[in-house]
Amino acid sequence: MGVLIPANYDLRRLNSSRPEKRMVEILRDQLSDSWKIIPRVDLATEKRSHEIDVLIFHEKYGVIGIE
């Protein structure tokens, strides 16, 4: 089972986007615990804000951003 970061992340916070919530649930349930999952990563520059829907990372395989 993939590990959510933070561990107590409340998936109900993703209710406004049902597909994002479903994607996080699938990743959490299907990946091994060596995968870390960060839902909704907000980024900002001086000109604009950005959001990565789901960020997953693994010590061996690297980082994947899902939009």
Protein backbone atom coordinates (compact mmCIF):
# COMPACT_ATOMS: atom_id res chain seq x y z
CA MET A 1 0.00 0.00 0.00
CA GLY A 2 1.42 3.38 -1.00
CA VAL A 3 2.11 5.81 1.82
CA LEU A 4 0.24 9.13 1.89
CA ILE A 5 2.17 12.21 2.94
CA PRO A 6 1.10 13.52 5.32
CA ALA A 7 -0.04 10.19 6.74
CA ASN A 8 -3.27 11.73 8.06
CA TYR A 9 -4.18 13.44 4.76
CA ASP A 10 -7.96 13.59 4.52
CA LEU A 11 -8.98 12.52 1.01
CA ARG A 12 -12.28 14.36 1.48
CA ARG A 13 -10.27 17.51 0.79
CA LEU A 14 -10.20 16.33 -2.84
CA ASN A 15 -14.00 16.16 -3.12
CA SER A 16 -14.09 19.03 -5.56
CA SER A 17 -12.22 16.82 -7.99
CA ARG A 18 -13.55 13.28 -7.91
CA PRO A 19 -11.04 11.96 -10.52
CA GLU A 20 -8.10 13.24 -8.45
CA LYS A 21 -9.48 11.58 -5.33
CA ARG A 22 -10.00 8.30 -7.19
CA MET A 23 -6.45 8.44 -8.61
CA VAL A 24 -4.97 8.91 -5.13
CA GLU A 25 -7.05 6.01 -3.79
CA ILE A 26 -5.91 3.74 -6.64
CA LEU A 27 -2.26 4.68 -6.17
CA ARG A 28 -2.50 4.22 -2.41
CA ASP A 29 -4.16 0.82 -2.74
CA GLN A 30 -2.07 -0.58 -5.62
CA LEU A 31 1.47 0.67 -4.98
CA SER A 32 3.84 -0.89 -2.48
CA ASP A 33 4.75 0.98 0.70
CA SER A 34 8.06 2.00 -0.87
CA TRP A 35 6.07 4.57 -2.89
CA LYS A 36 5.20 7.89 -1.25
CA ILE A 37 2.13 9.81 -2.45
CA ILE A 38 1.57 13.54 -2.02
CA PRO A 39 -1.84 14.80 -3.17
CA ARG A 40 -2.26 18.41 -4.36
CA VAL A 41 1.14 20.02 -4.39
CA ASP A 42 0.76 23.78 -4.69
CA LEU A 43 3.63 25.71 -6.26
CA ALA A 44 3.96 29.41 -6.88
CA THR A 45 6.24 31.73 -8.78
CA GLU A 46 6.21 35.50 -8.78
CA LYS A 47 3.99 35.48 -11.86
CA ARG A 48 1.64 32.57 -11.31
CA SER A 49 0.56 29.73 -9.06
CA HIS A 50 0.60 26.09 -10.16
CA GLU A 51 -0.70 22.81 -8.83
CA ILE A 52 0.50 19.24 -9.30
CA ASP A 53 -2.52 16.97 -8.83
CA VAL A 54 -0.51 14.04 -7.43
CA LEU A 55 3.21 13.64 -6.81
CA ILE A 56 4.57 10.14 -6.24
CA PHE A 57 8.15 9.19 -5.53
CA HIS A 58 10.27 6.14 -4.94
CA GLU A 59 13.83 5.87 -3.68
CA LYS A 60 14.90 3.72 -6.65
CA TYR A 61 12.58 4.89 -9.47
CA GLY A 62 12.42 8.62 -8.87
CA VAL A 63 9.61 11.16 -8.97
CA ILE A 64 6.43 11.27 -11.07
CA GLY A 65 4.09 14.24 -11.26
CA ILE A 66 0.55 13.49 -12.40
CA GLU A 67 -1.64 16.22 -13.81
